Amino acid sequence: MARYTEPRHTGEHILSEANGSRSREQAVLAAGNLVAGTVLARNATGEYVELAPAATDTTKTAVAVLYAATDASAAHAPCVVNVRDCEVIDSALGWPEGIDAPKTATAIGQLAAVGIIVR
């Protein structure tokens, strides 16, 4: 029998957030086909990209979490991101492949600095 793995649902990573849409912003995803809950950074032009902890530019700093799955593999795509005043579920976050424990801890601290608390 074939097994089906259900993808992450929109907002599934959120434990709590501020009233209304204070925790979220509309943004642009520069690249990638990413699932809801992916930890994001900003590139030099201010667009969101998947966190790249080994990078030497701004993409190594975690600043947001993708609210809903977004496909920007062919071109930039509009998206919604959690950027402040929320708690997110650690096990529901999408981390870059191969990220190690120290870099994960650093990213969690970076998210806390902008008001995104990982529980």
PDB file of N, CA and C in Angstrom:
ATOM      1  N   MET A   1       0.838  -1.174   0.000  1.00  0.00           N
ATOM      2  CA  MET A   1       0.000   0.000   0.000  1.00  0.00           C
ATOM      3  C   MET A   1       0.890   1.247   0.000  1.00  0.00           C
ATOM      4  N   ALA A   2       0.579   2.205  -0.842  1.00  0.00           N
ATOM      5  CA  ALA A   2       1.335   3.448  -0.914  1.00  0.00           C
ATOM      6  C   ALA A   2       0.997   4.334   0.279  1.00  0.00           C
ATOM      7  N   ARG A   3       1.982   5.049   0.743  1.00  0.00           N
ATOM      8  CA  ARG A   3       1.770   5.977   1.860  1.00  0.00           C
ATOM      9  C   ARG A   3       1.748   7.400   1.320  1.00  0.00           C
ATOM     10  N   TYR A   4       0.952   8.195   1.943  1.00  0.00           N
ATOM     11  CA  TYR A   4       0.836   9.601   1.580  1.00  0.00           C
ATOM     12  C   TYR A   4       1.341  10.439   2.745  1.00  0.00           C
ATOM     13  N   THR A   5       2.258  11.330   2.463  1.00  0.00           N
ATOM     14  CA  THR A   5       2.736  12.253   3.483  1.00  0.00           C
ATOM     15  C   THR A   5       2.087  13.601   3.227  1.00  0.00           C
ATOM     16  N   GLU A   6       1.304  14.033   4.171  1.00  0.00           N
ATOM     17  CA  GLU A   6       0.587  15.282   4.018  1.00  0.00           C
ATOM     18  C   GLU A   6       1.561  16.455   4.174  1.00  0.00           C
ATOM     19  N   PRO A   7       1.490  17.446   3.288  1.00  0.00           N
ATOM     20  CA  PRO A   7       2.389  18.598   3.392  1.00  0.00           C
ATOM     21  C   PRO A   7       1.982  19.502   4.557  1.00  0.00           C
ATOM     22  N   ARG A   8       2.853  20.405   4.916  1.00  0.00           N
ATOM     23  CA  ARG A   8       2.539  21.380   5.964  1.00  0.00           C
ATOM     24  C   ARG A   8       1.386  22.267   5.495  1.00  0.00           C
ATOM     25  N   HIS A   9       0.496  22.548   6.429  1.00  0.00           N
ATOM     26  CA  HIS A   9      -0.645  23.402   6.124  1.00  0.00           C
ATOM     27  C   HIS A   9      -0.295  24.866   6.391  1.00  0.00           C
ATOM     28  N   THR A  10      -1.012  25.748   5.736  1.00  0.00           N
ATOM     29  CA  THR A  10      -0.851  27.181   5.940  1.00  0.00           C
ATOM     30  C   THR A  10      -1.003  27.509   7.422  1.00  0.00           C
ATOM     31  N   GLY A  11      -0.022  28.207   7.982  1.00  0.00           N
ATOM     32  CA  GLY A  11      -0.073  28.634   9.372  1.00  0.00           C
ATOM     33  C   GLY A  11       0.063  27.542  10.416  1.00  0.00           C
ATOM     34  N   GLU A  12       0.338  26.324  10.006  1.00  0.00           N
ATOM     35  CA  GLU A  12       0.432  25.204  10.943  1.00  0.00           C
ATOM     36  C   GLU A  12       1.534  25.414  11.987  1.00  0.00           C
ATOM     37  N   HIS A  13       2.524  26.190  11.661  1.00  0.00           N
ATOM     38  CA  HIS A  13       3.660  26.426  12.554  1.00  0.00           C
ATOM     39  C   HIS A  13       3.350  27.415  13.678  1.00  0.00           C
ATOM     40  N   ILE A  14       2.208  28.071  13.627  1.00  0.00           N
ATOM     41  CA  ILE A  14       1.893  29.138  14.586  1.00  0.00           C
ATOM     42  C   ILE A  14       1.262  28.571  15.850  1.00  0.00           C
ATOM     43  N   LEU A  15       1.857  28.920  16.988  1.00  0.00           N
ATOM     44  CA  LEU A  15       1.288  28.585  18.289  1.00  0.00           C
ATOM     45  C   LEU A  15       0.385  29.727  18.744  1.00  0.00           C
ATOM     46  N   SER A  16       0.870  30.956  18.592  1.00  0.00           N
ATOM     47  CA  SER A  16       0.065  32.143  18.890  1.00  0.00           C
ATOM     48  C   SER A  16       0.635  33.312  18.103  1.00  0.00           C
ATOM     49  N   GLU A  17      -0.222  34.299  17.861  1.00  0.00           N
ATOM     50  CA  GLU A  17       0.230  35.513  17.185  1.00  0.00           C
ATOM     51  C   GLU A  17      -0.611  36.687  17.640  1.00  0.00           C
ATOM     52  N   ALA A  18      -0.177  37.882  17.307  1.00  0.00           N
ATOM     53  CA  ALA A  18      -0.864  39.099  17.719  1.00  0.00           C
ATOM     54  C   ALA A  18      -2.226  39.200  17.037  1.00  0.00           C
ATOM     55  N   ASN A  19      -3.111  40.023  17.612  1.00  0.00           N
ATOM     56  CA  ASN A  19      -4.444  40.226  17.037  1.00  0.00           C
ATOM     57  C   ASN A  19      -4.360  40.738  15.607  1.00  0.00           C
ATOM     58  N   GLY A  20      -5.397  40.420  14.872  1.00  0.00           N
ATOM     59  CA  GLY A  20      -5.467  40.871  13.480  1.00  0.00           C
ATOM     60  C   GLY A  20      -4.326  40.279  12.678  1.00  0.00           C
ATOM     61  N   SER A  21      -3.710  41.101  11.882  1.00  0.00           N
ATOM     62  CA  SER A  21      -2.593  40.622  11.059  1.00  0.00           C
ATOM     63  C   SER A  21      -1.283  41.291  11.458  1.00  0.00           C
ATOM     64  N   ARG A  22      -1.182  41.733  12.706  1.00  0.00           N
ATOM     65  CA  ARG A  22       0.028  42.428  13.171  1.00  0.00           C
ATOM     66  C   ARG A  22       1.284  41.576  13.033  1.00  0.00           C
ATOM     67  N   SER A  23       1.167  40.276  13.181  1.00  0.00           N
ATOM     68  CA  SER A  23       2.340  39.397  13.111  1.00  0.00           C
ATOM     69  C   SER A  23       2.797  39.126  11.682  1.00  0.00           C
ATOM     70  N   ARG A  24       1.962  39.444  10.698  1.00  0.00           N
ATOM     71  CA  ARG A  24       2.238  39.075   9.301  1.00  0.00           C
ATOM     72  C   ARG A  24       2.432  40.287   8.404  1.00  0.00           C
ATOM     73  N   GLU A  25       3.162  40.047   7.315  1.00  0.00           N
ATOM     74  CA  GLU A  25       3.314  41.056   6.264  1.00  0.00           C
ATOM     75  C   GLU A  25       3.259  40.378   4.913  1.00  0.00           C
ATOM     76  N   GLN A  26       2.809  41.120   3.919  1.00  0.00           N
ATOM     77  CA  GLN A  26       2.916  40.645   2.547  1.00  0.00           C
ATOM     78  C   GLN A  26       4.328  40.940   2.079  1.00  0.00           C
ATOM     79  N   ALA A  27       4.895  40.024   1.310  1.00  0.00           N
ATOM     80  CA  ALA A  27       6.290  40.162   0.903  1.00  0.00           C
ATOM     81  C   ALA A  27       6.497  39.500  -0.457  1.00  0.00           C
ATOM     82  N   VAL A  28       7.772  39.388  -0.832  1.00  0.00           N
ATOM     83  CA  VAL A  28       8.148  38.722  -2.082  1.00  0.00           C
ATOM     84  C   VAL A  28       9.169  37.640  -1.760  1.00  0.00           C
ATOM     85  N   LEU A  29       8.900  36.441  -2.252  1.00  0.00           N
ATOM     86  CA  LEU A  29       9.851  35.340  -2.140  1.00  0.00           C
ATOM     87  C   LEU A  29      10.678  35.341  -3.416  1.00  0.00           C
ATOM     88  N   ALA A  30      11.999  35.436  -3.277  1.00  0.00           N
ATOM     89  CA  ALA A  30      12.875  35.583  -4.433  1.00  0.00           C
ATOM     90  C   ALA A  30      13.144  34.280  -5.161  1.00  0.00           C
ATOM     91  N   ALA A  31      13.153  33.165  -4.440  1.00  0.00           N
ATOM     92  CA  ALA A  31      13.519  31.903  -5.084  1.00  0.00           C
ATOM     93  C   ALA A  31      13.057  30.734  -4.236  1.00  0.00           C
ATOM     94  N   GLY A  32      12.873  29.600  -4.883  1.00  0.00           N
ATOM     95  CA  GLY A  32      12.574  28.361  -4.183  1.00  0.00           C
ATOM     96  C   GLY A  32      11.111  27.987  -4.218  1.00  0.00           C
ATOM     97  N   ASN A  33      10.856  26.735  -3.955  1.00  0.00           N
ATOM     98  CA  ASN A  33       9.513  26.203  -3.792  1.00  0.00           C
ATOM     99  C   ASN A  33       9.452  25.727  -2.349  1.00  0.00           C
ATOM    100  N   LEU A  34       8.964  26.594  -1.462  1.00  0.00           N
ATOM    101  CA  LEU A  34       9.098  26.386  -0.028  1.00  0.00           C
ATOM    102  C   LEU A  34       7.773  26.076   0.650  1.00  0.00           C
ATOM    103  N   VAL A  35       7.839  25.271   1.687  1.00  0.00           N
ATOM    104  CA  VAL A  35       6.655  24.885   2.450  1.00  0.00           C
ATOM    105  C   VAL A  35       6.361  25.907   3.543  1.00  0.00           C
ATOM    106  N   ALA A  36       5.122  25.904   4.011  1.00  0.00           N
ATOM    107  CA  ALA A  36       4.746  26.749   5.138  1.00  0.00           C
ATOM    108  C   ALA A  36       5.643  26.413   6.329  1.00  0.00           C
ATOM    109  N   GLY A  37       6.074  27.435   7.044  1.00  0.00           N
ATOM    110  CA  GLY A  37       6.933  27.228   8.203  1.00  0.00           C
ATOM    111  C   GLY A  37       8.411  27.300   7.906  1.00  0.00           C
ATOM    112  N   THR A  38       8.787  27.530   6.646  1.00  0.00           N
ATOM    113  CA  THR A  38      10.207  27.640   6.297  1.00  0.00           C
ATOM    114  C   THR A  38      10.802  28.892   6.936  1.00  0.00           C
ATOM    115  N   VAL A  39      11.957  28.746   7.555  1.00  0.00           N
ATOM    116  CA  VAL A  39      12.660  29.874   8.166  1.00  0.00           C
ATOM    117  C   VAL A  39      13.336  30.666   7.048  1.00  0.00           C
ATOM    118  N   LEU A  40      13.125  31.981   7.069  1.00  0.00           N
ATOM    119  CA  LEU A  40      13.581  32.841   5.978  1.00  0.00           C
ATOM    120  C   LEU A  40      14.596  33.887   6.422  1.00  0.00           C
ATOM    121  N   ALA A  41      15.354  34.338   5.435  1.00  0.00           N
ATOM    122  CA  ALA A  41      16.274  35.470   5.583  1.00  0.00           C
ATOM    123  C   ALA A  41      15.913  36.464   4.480  1.00  0.00           C
ATOM    124  N   ARG A  42      16.596  37.596   4.458  1.00  0.00           N
ATOM    125  CA  ARG A  42      16.409  38.571   3.378  1.00  0.00           C
ATOM    126  C   ARG A  42      17.696  38.655   2.570  1.00  0.00           C
ATOM    127  N   ASN A  43      17.541  38.781   1.266  1.00  0.00           N
ATOM    128  CA  ASN A  43      18.725  38.962   0.419  1.00  0.00           C
ATOM    129  C   ASN A  43      19.080  40.447   0.340  1.00  0.00           C
ATOM    130  N   ALA A  44      20.076  40.778  -0.447  1.00  0.00           N
ATOM    131  CA  ALA A  44      20.571  42.158  -0.535  1.00  0.00           C
ATOM    132  C   ALA A  44      19.521  43.137  -1.058  1.00  0.00           C
ATOM    133  N   THR A  45      18.541  42.644  -1.807  1.00  0.00           N
ATOM    134  CA  THR A  45      17.498  43.531  -2.339  1.00  0.00           C
ATOM    135  C   THR A  45      16.269  43.584  -1.432  1.00  0.00           C
ATOM    136  N   GLY A  46      16.312  42.895  -0.285  1.00  0.00           N
ATOM    137  CA  GLY A  46      15.221  42.936   0.677  1.00  0.00           C
ATOM    138  C   GLY A  46      14.140  41.910   0.456  1.00  0.00           C
ATOM    139  N   GLU A  47      14.315  41.029  -0.520  1.00  0.00           N
ATOM    140  CA  GLU A  47      13.342  39.966  -0.752  1.00  0.00           C
ATOM    141  C   GLU A  47      13.682  38.775   0.138  1.00  0.00           C
ATOM    142  N   TYR A  48      12.680  37.954   0.407  1.00  0.00           N
ATOM    143  CA  TYR A  48      12.884  36.808   1.279  1.00  0.00           C
ATOM    144  C   TYR A  48      13.407  35.607   0.507  1.00  0.00           C
ATOM    145  N   VAL A  49      14.278  34.857   1.165  1.00  0.00           N
ATOM    146  CA  VAL A  49      14.853  33.620   0.639  1.00  0.00           C
ATOM    147  C   VAL A  49      14.978  32.644   1.801  1.00  0.00           C
ATOM    148  N   GLU A  50      15.164  31.374   1.482  1.00  0.00           N
ATOM    149  CA  GLU A  50      15.389  30.396   2.538  1.00  0.00           C
ATOM    150  C   GLU A  50      16.680  30.740   3.281  1.00  0.00           C
ATOM    151  N   LEU A  51      16.660  30.592   4.588  1.00  0.00           N
ATOM    152  CA  LEU A  51      17.842  30.831   5.412  1.00  0.00           C
ATOM    153  C   LEU A  51      19.026  30.029   4.881  1.00  0.00           C
ATOM    154  N   ALA A  52      20.189  30.672   4.809  1.00  0.00           N
ATOM    155  CA  ALA A  52      21.429  30.014   4.366  1.00  0.00           C
ATOM    156  C   ALA A  52      22.493  30.263   5.431  1.00  0.00           C
ATOM    157  N   PRO A  53      22.500  29.471   6.516  1.00  0.00           N
ATOM    158  CA  PRO A  53      23.369  29.751   7.657  1.00  0.00           C
ATOM    159  C   PRO A  53      24.867  29.762   7.356  1.00  0.00           C
ATOM    160  N   ALA A  54      25.301  29.138   6.282  1.00  0.00           N
ATOM    161  CA  ALA A  54      26.722  29.129   5.940  1.00  0.00           C
ATOM    162  C   ALA A  54      27.112  30.294   5.044  1.00  0.00           C
ATOM    163  N   ALA A  55      26.151  31.125   4.663  1.00  0.00           N
ATOM    164  CA  ALA A  55      26.431  32.252   3.770  1.00  0.00           C
ATOM    165  C   ALA A  55      27.259  33.324   4.483  1.00  0.00           C
ATOM    166  N   THR A  56      27.773  34.257   3.714  1.00  0.00           N
ATOM    167  CA  THR A  56      28.547  35.363   4.282  1.00  0.00           C
ATOM    168  C   THR A  56      27.847  36.700   4.075  1.00  0.00           C
ATOM    169  N   ASP A  57      26.589  36.650   3.646  1.00  0.00           N
ATOM    170  CA  ASP A  57      25.819  37.876   3.430  1.00  0.00           C
ATOM    171  C   ASP A  57      24.582  37.867   4.324  1.00  0.00           C
ATOM    172  N   THR A  58      23.597  38.695   3.994  1.00  0.00           N
ATOM    173  CA  THR A  58      22.399  38.822   4.825  1.00  0.00           C
ATOM    174  C   THR A  58      21.537  37.564   4.850  1.00  0.00           C
ATOM    175  N   THR A  59      21.741  36.647   3.932  1.00  0.00           N
ATOM    176  CA  THR A  59      20.914  35.434   3.892  1.00  0.00           C
ATOM    177  C   THR A  59      21.259  34.449   5.007  1.00  0.00           C
ATOM    178  N   LYS A  60      22.262  34.784   5.818  1.00  0.00           N
ATOM    179  CA  LYS A  60      22.606  33.904   6.951  1.00  0.00           C
ATOM    180  C   LYS A  60      21.851  34.283   8.227  1.00  0.00           C
ATOM    181  N   THR A  61      21.040  35.337   8.165  1.00  0.00           N
ATOM    182  CA  THR A  61      20.338  35.828   9.348  1.00  0.00           C
ATOM    183  C   THR A  61      18.840  35.546   9.245  1.00  0.00           C
ATOM    184  N   ALA A  62      18.311  34.760  10.176  1.00  0.00           N
ATOM    185  CA  ALA A  62      16.887  34.429  10.201  1.00  0.00           C
ATOM    186  C   ALA A  62      16.081  35.649  10.633  1.00  0.00           C
ATOM    187  N   VAL A  63      15.067  36.007   9.834  1.00  0.00           N
ATOM    188  CA  VAL A  63      14.257  37.189  10.140  1.00  0.00           C
ATOM    189  C   VAL A  63      12.759  36.966  10.033  1.00  0.00           C
ATOM    190  N   ALA A  64      12.320  35.817   9.505  1.00  0.00           N
ATOM    191  CA  ALA A  64      10.889  35.602   9.288  1.00  0.00           C
ATOM    192  C   ALA A  64      10.601  34.116   9.101  1.00  0.00           C
ATOM    193  N   VAL A  65       9.305  33.788   9.089  1.00  0.00           N
ATOM    194  CA  VAL A  65       8.848  32.426   8.834  1.00  0.00           C
ATOM    195  C   VAL A  65       7.753  32.509   7.771  1.00  0.00           C
ATOM    196  N   LEU A  66       7.857  31.670   6.760  1.00  0.00           N
ATOM    197  CA  LEU A  66       6.882  31.653   5.667  1.00  0.00           C
ATOM    198  C   LEU A  66       5.536  31.146   6.164  1.00  0.00           C
ATOM    199  N   TYR A  67       4.481  31.911   5.941  1.00  0.00           N
ATOM    200  CA  TYR A  67       3.151  31.576   6.449  1.00  0.00           C
ATOM    201  C   TYR A  67       2.476  30.464   5.644  1.00  0.00           C
ATOM    202  N   ALA A  68       2.617  30.503   4.337  1.00  0.00           N
ATOM    203  CA  ALA A  68       1.968  29.512   3.468  1.00  0.00           C
ATOM    204  C   ALA A  68       2.949  29.049   2.404  1.00  0.00           C
ATOM    205  N   ALA A  69       2.782  27.841   1.932  1.00  0.00           N
ATOM    206  CA  ALA A  69       3.637  27.313   0.865  1.00  0.00           C
ATOM    207  C   ALA A  69       3.636  28.288  -0.315  1.00  0.00           C
ATOM    208  N   THR A  70       4.824  28.517  -0.880  1.00  0.00           N
ATOM    209  CA  THR A  70       4.955  29.462  -1.986  1.00  0.00           C
ATOM    210  C   THR A  70       5.971  28.924  -2.976  1.00  0.00           C
ATOM    211  N   ASP A  71       5.619  28.999  -4.252  1.00  0.00           N
ATOM    212  CA  ASP A  71       6.504  28.525  -5.313  1.00  0.00           C
ATOM    213  C   ASP A  71       7.078  29.709  -6.082  1.00  0.00           C
ATOM    214  N   ALA A  72       8.354  29.977  -5.848  1.00  0.00           N
ATOM    215  CA  ALA A  72       9.070  31.022  -6.573  1.00  0.00           C
ATOM    216  C   ALA A  72      10.209  30.402  -7.367  1.00  0.00           C
ATOM    217  N   SER A  73      10.020  29.155  -7.785  1.00  0.00           N
ATOM    218  CA  SER A  73      11.094  28.478  -8.514  1.00  0.00           C
ATOM    219  C   SER A  73      11.269  29.018  -9.924  1.00  0.00           C
ATOM    220  N   ALA A  74      10.214  29.532 -10.528  1.00  0.00           N
ATOM    221  CA  ALA A  74      10.310  30.064 -11.887  1.00  0.00           C
ATOM    222  C   ALA A  74      10.498  31.584 -11.899  1.00  0.00           C
ATOM    223  N   ALA A  75       9.961  32.256 -10.890  1.00  0.00           N
ATOM    224  CA  ALA A  75      10.053  33.725 -10.816  1.00  0.00           C
ATOM    225  C   ALA A  75       9.702  34.159  -9.402  1.00  0.00           C
ATOM    226  N   HIS A  76      10.036  35.396  -9.080  1.00  0.00           N
ATOM    227  CA  HIS A  76       9.647  35.933  -7.776  1.00  0.00           C
ATOM    228  C   HIS A  76       8.148  35.748  -7.584  1.00  0.00           C
ATOM    229  N   ALA A  77       7.739  35.511  -6.339  1.00  0.00           N
ATOM    230  CA  ALA A  77       6.324  35.269  -6.064  1.00  0.00           C
ATOM    231  C   ALA A  77       5.893  36.007  -4.804  1.00  0.00           C
ATOM    232  N   PRO A  78       4.668  36.532  -4.791  1.00  0.00           N
ATOM    233  CA  PRO A  78       4.160  37.150  -3.568  1.00  0.00           C
ATOM    234  C   PRO A  78       3.965  36.087  -2.494  1.00  0.00           C
ATOM    235  N   CYS A  79       4.162  36.489  -1.252  1.00  0.00           N
ATOM    236  CA  CYS A  79       3.993  35.558  -0.141  1.00  0.00           C
ATOM    237  C   CYS A  79       3.575  36.319   1.104  1.00  0.00           C
ATOM    238  N   VAL A  80       3.243  35.573   2.142  1.00  0.00           N
ATOM    239  CA  VAL A  80       2.942  36.150   3.455  1.00  0.00           C
ATOM    240  C   VAL A  80       3.951  35.569   4.429  1.00  0.00           C
ATOM    241  N   VAL A  81       4.506  36.423   5.279  1.00  0.00           N
ATOM    242  CA  VAL A  81       5.507  35.980   6.240  1.00  0.00           C
ATOM    243  C   VAL A  81       5.144  36.443   7.649  1.00  0.00           C
ATOM    244  N   ASN A  82       5.489  35.622   8.637  1.00  0.00           N
ATOM    245  CA  ASN A  82       5.408  36.038  10.033  1.00  0.00           C
ATOM    246  C   ASN A  82       6.696  36.770  10.345  1.00  0.00           C
ATOM    247  N   VAL A  83       6.580  38.019  10.793  1.00  0.00           N
ATOM    248  CA  VAL A  83       7.775  38.834  11.021  1.00  0.00           C
ATOM    249  C   VAL A  83       7.912  39.370  12.441  1.00  0.00           C
ATOM    250  N   ARG A  84       6.882  39.221  13.274  1.00  0.00           N
ATOM    251  CA  ARG A  84       6.946  39.784  14.633  1.00  0.00           C
ATOM    252  C   ARG A  84       5.830  39.228  15.505  1.00  0.00           C
ATOM    253  N   ASP A  85       5.989  39.394  16.797  1.00  0.00           N
ATOM    254  CA  ASP A  85       4.933  39.132  17.777  1.00  0.00           C
ATOM    255  C   ASP A  85       4.200  37.809  17.583  1.00  0.00           C
ATOM    256  N   CYS A  86       4.961  36.722  17.538  1.00  0.00           N
ATOM    257  CA  CYS A  86       4.301  35.416  17.459  1.00  0.00           C
ATOM    258  C   CYS A  86       5.178  34.340  18.095  1.00  0.00           C
ATOM    259  N   GLU A  87       4.520  33.236  18.419  1.00  0.00           N
ATOM    260  CA  GLU A  87       5.207  32.040  18.892  1.00  0.00           C
ATOM    261  C   GLU A  87       5.011  30.979  17.824  1.00  0.00           C
ATOM    262  N   VAL A  88       6.090  30.261  17.512  1.00  0.00           N
ATOM    263  CA  VAL A  88       6.018  29.219  16.495  1.00  0.00           C
ATOM    264  C   VAL A  88       6.471  27.888  17.090  1.00  0.00           C
ATOM    265  N   ILE A  89       5.982  26.808  16.494  1.00  0.00           N
ATOM    266  CA  ILE A  89       6.261  25.461  16.987  1.00  0.00           C
ATOM    267  C   ILE A  89       7.537  24.944  16.331  1.00  0.00           C
ATOM    268  N   ASP A  90       8.527  24.643  17.139  1.00  0.00           N
ATOM    269  CA  ASP A  90       9.838  24.206  16.642  1.00  0.00           C
ATOM    270  C   ASP A  90       9.725  23.060  15.643  1.00  0.00           C
ATOM    271  N   SER A  91       8.942  22.046  15.980  1.00  0.00           N
ATOM    272  CA  SER A  91       8.851  20.864  15.115  1.00  0.00           C
ATOM    273  C   SER A  91       8.116  21.133  13.806  1.00  0.00           C
ATOM    274  N   ALA A  92       7.453  22.284  13.687  1.00  0.00           N
ATOM    275  CA  ALA A  92       6.732  22.622  12.458  1.00  0.00           C
ATOM    276  C   ALA A  92       7.510  23.595  11.578  1.00  0.00           C
ATOM    277  N   LEU A  93       8.728  23.935  11.988  1.00  0.00           N
ATOM    278  CA  LEU A  93       9.541  24.848  11.184  1.00  0.00           C
ATOM    279  C   LEU A  93      10.316  24.083  10.125  1.00  0.00           C
ATOM    280  N   GLY A  94      10.531  24.729   9.005  1.00  0.00           N
ATOM    281  CA  GLY A  94      11.327  24.158   7.924  1.00  0.00           C
ATOM    282  C   GLY A  94      12.714  24.762   7.947  1.00  0.00           C
ATOM    283  N   TRP A  95      13.681  23.951   8.280  1.00  0.00           N
ATOM    284  CA  TRP A  95      15.072  24.391   8.356  1.00  0.00           C
ATOM    285  C   TRP A  95      15.822  23.977   7.096  1.00  0.00           C
ATOM    286  N   PRO A  96      16.878  24.697   6.746  1.00  0.00           N
ATOM    287  CA  PRO A  96      17.676  24.305   5.577  1.00  0.00           C
ATOM    288  C   PRO A  96      18.269  22.914   5.776  1.00  0.00           C
ATOM    289  N   GLU A  97      18.370  22.175   4.707  1.00  0.00           N
ATOM    290  CA  GLU A  97      18.946  20.840   4.781  1.00  0.00           C
ATOM    291  C   GLU A  97      20.386  20.934   5.278  1.00  0.00           C
ATOM    292  N   GLY A  98      20.735  20.074   6.222  1.00  0.00           N
ATOM    293  CA  GLY A  98      22.099  20.018   6.723  1.00  0.00           C
ATOM    294  C   GLY A  98      22.434  21.016   7.822  1.00  0.00           C
ATOM    295  N   ILE A  99      21.465  21.815   8.273  1.00  0.00           N
ATOM    296  CA  ILE A  99      21.766  22.778   9.338  1.00  0.00           C
ATOM    297  C   ILE A  99      22.100  21.999  10.611  1.00  0.00           C
ATOM    298  N   ASP A 100      23.135  22.453  11.322  1.00  0.00           N
ATOM    299  CA  ASP A 100      23.533  21.757  12.545  1.00  0.00           C
ATOM    300  C   ASP A 100      22.942  22.446  13.772  1.00  0.00           C
ATOM    301  N   ALA A 101      23.111  21.826  14.930  1.00  0.00           N
ATOM    302  CA  ALA A 101      22.517  22.335  16.167  1.00  0.00           C
ATOM    303  C   ALA A 101      22.996  23.739  16.539  1.00  0.00           C
ATOM    304  N   PRO A 102      24.306  24.060  16.448  1.00  0.00           N
ATOM    305  CA  PRO A 102      24.724  25.419  16.788  1.00  0.00           C
ATOM    306  C   PRO A 102      24.124  26.480  15.854  1.00  0.00           C
ATOM    307  N   LYS A 103      24.040  26.177  14.571  1.00  0.00           N
ATOM    308  CA  LYS A 103      23.468  27.150  13.624  1.00  0.00           C
ATOM    309  C   LYS A 103      21.960  27.275  13.831  1.00  0.00           C
ATOM    310  N   THR A 104      21.318  26.184  14.204  1.00  0.00           N
ATOM    311  CA  THR A 104      19.883  26.245  14.521  1.00  0.00           C
ATOM    312  C   THR A 104      19.665  27.125  15.743  1.00  0.00           C
ATOM    313  N   ALA A 105      20.488  26.944  16.764  1.00  0.00           N
ATOM    314  CA  ALA A 105      20.379  27.762  17.978  1.00  0.00           C
ATOM    315  C   ALA A 105      20.607  29.239  17.660  1.00  0.00           C
ATOM    316  N   THR A 106      21.566  29.530  16.800  1.00  0.00           N
ATOM    317  CA  THR A 106      21.818  30.919  16.392  1.00  0.00           C
ATOM    318  C   THR A 106      20.594  31.495  15.692  1.00  0.00           C
ATOM    319  N   ALA A 107      20.000  30.729  14.764  1.00  0.00           N
ATOM    320  CA  ALA A 107      18.824  31.187  14.034  1.00  0.00           C
ATOM    321  C   ALA A 107      17.636  31.405  14.968  1.00  0.00           C
ATOM    322  N   ILE A 108      17.468  30.531  15.955  1.00  0.00           N
ATOM    323  CA  ILE A 108      16.388  30.695  16.924  1.00  0.00           C
ATOM    324  C   ILE A 108      16.583  31.998  17.701  1.00  0.00           C
ATOM    325  N   GLY A 109      17.814  32.305  18.058  1.00  0.00           N
ATOM    326  CA  GLY A 109      18.116  33.575  18.721  1.00  0.00           C
ATOM    327  C   GLY A 109      17.838  34.772  17.828  1.00  0.00           C
ATOM    328  N   GLN A 110      18.150  34.649  16.545  1.00  0.00           N
ATOM    329  CA  GLN A 110      17.882  35.726  15.591  1.00  0.00           C
ATOM    330  C   GLN A 110      16.379  35.962  15.450  1.00  0.00           C
ATOM    331  N   LEU A 111      15.607  34.877  15.405  1.00  0.00           N
ATOM    332  CA  LEU A 111      14.154  35.022  15.337  1.00  0.00           C
ATOM    333  C   LEU A 111      13.621  35.686  16.605  1.00  0.00           C
ATOM    334  N   ALA A 112      14.144  35.300  17.763  1.00  0.00           N
ATOM    335  CA  ALA A 112      13.717  35.908  19.026  1.00  0.00           C
ATOM    336  C   ALA A 112      13.980  37.409  19.028  1.00  0.00           C
ATOM    337  N   ALA A 113      15.086  37.813  18.418  1.00  0.00           N
ATOM    338  CA  ALA A 113      15.452  39.228  18.375  1.00  0.00           C
ATOM    339  C   ALA A 113      14.430  40.067  17.605  1.00  0.00           C
ATOM    340  N   VAL A 114      13.683  39.438  16.683  1.00  0.00           N
ATOM    341  CA  VAL A 114      12.654  40.179  15.942  1.00  0.00           C
ATOM    342  C   VAL A 114      11.244  39.877  16.471  1.00  0.00           C
ATOM    343  N   GLY A 115      11.172  39.139  17.578  1.00  0.00           N
ATOM    344  CA  GLY A 115       9.887  38.884  18.228  1.00  0.00           C
ATOM    345  C   GLY A 115       9.195  37.613  17.797  1.00  0.00           C
ATOM    346  N   ILE A 116       9.925  36.682  17.180  1.00  0.00           N
ATOM    347  CA  ILE A 116       9.372  35.378  16.827  1.00  0.00           C
ATOM    348  C   ILE A 116       9.985  34.374  17.792  1.00  0.00           C
ATOM    349  N   ILE A 117       9.168  33.854  18.682  1.00  0.00           N
ATOM    350  CA  ILE A 117       9.643  32.969  19.738  1.00  0.00           C
ATOM    351  C   ILE A 117       9.397  31.515  19.326  1.00  0.00           C
ATOM    352  N   VAL A 118      10.451  30.715  19.343  1.00  0.00           N
ATOM    353  CA  VAL A 118      10.341  29.298  18.983  1.00  0.00           C
ATOM    354  C   VAL A 118      10.084  28.507  20.253  1.00  0.00           C
ATOM    355  N   ARG A 119       9.015  27.738  20.258  1.00  0.00           N
ATOM    356  CA  ARG A 119       8.640  26.919  21.425  1.00  0.00           C
ATOM    357  C   ARG A 119       8.809  25.458  21.119  1.00  0.00           C
TER     358      ARG A 119
END
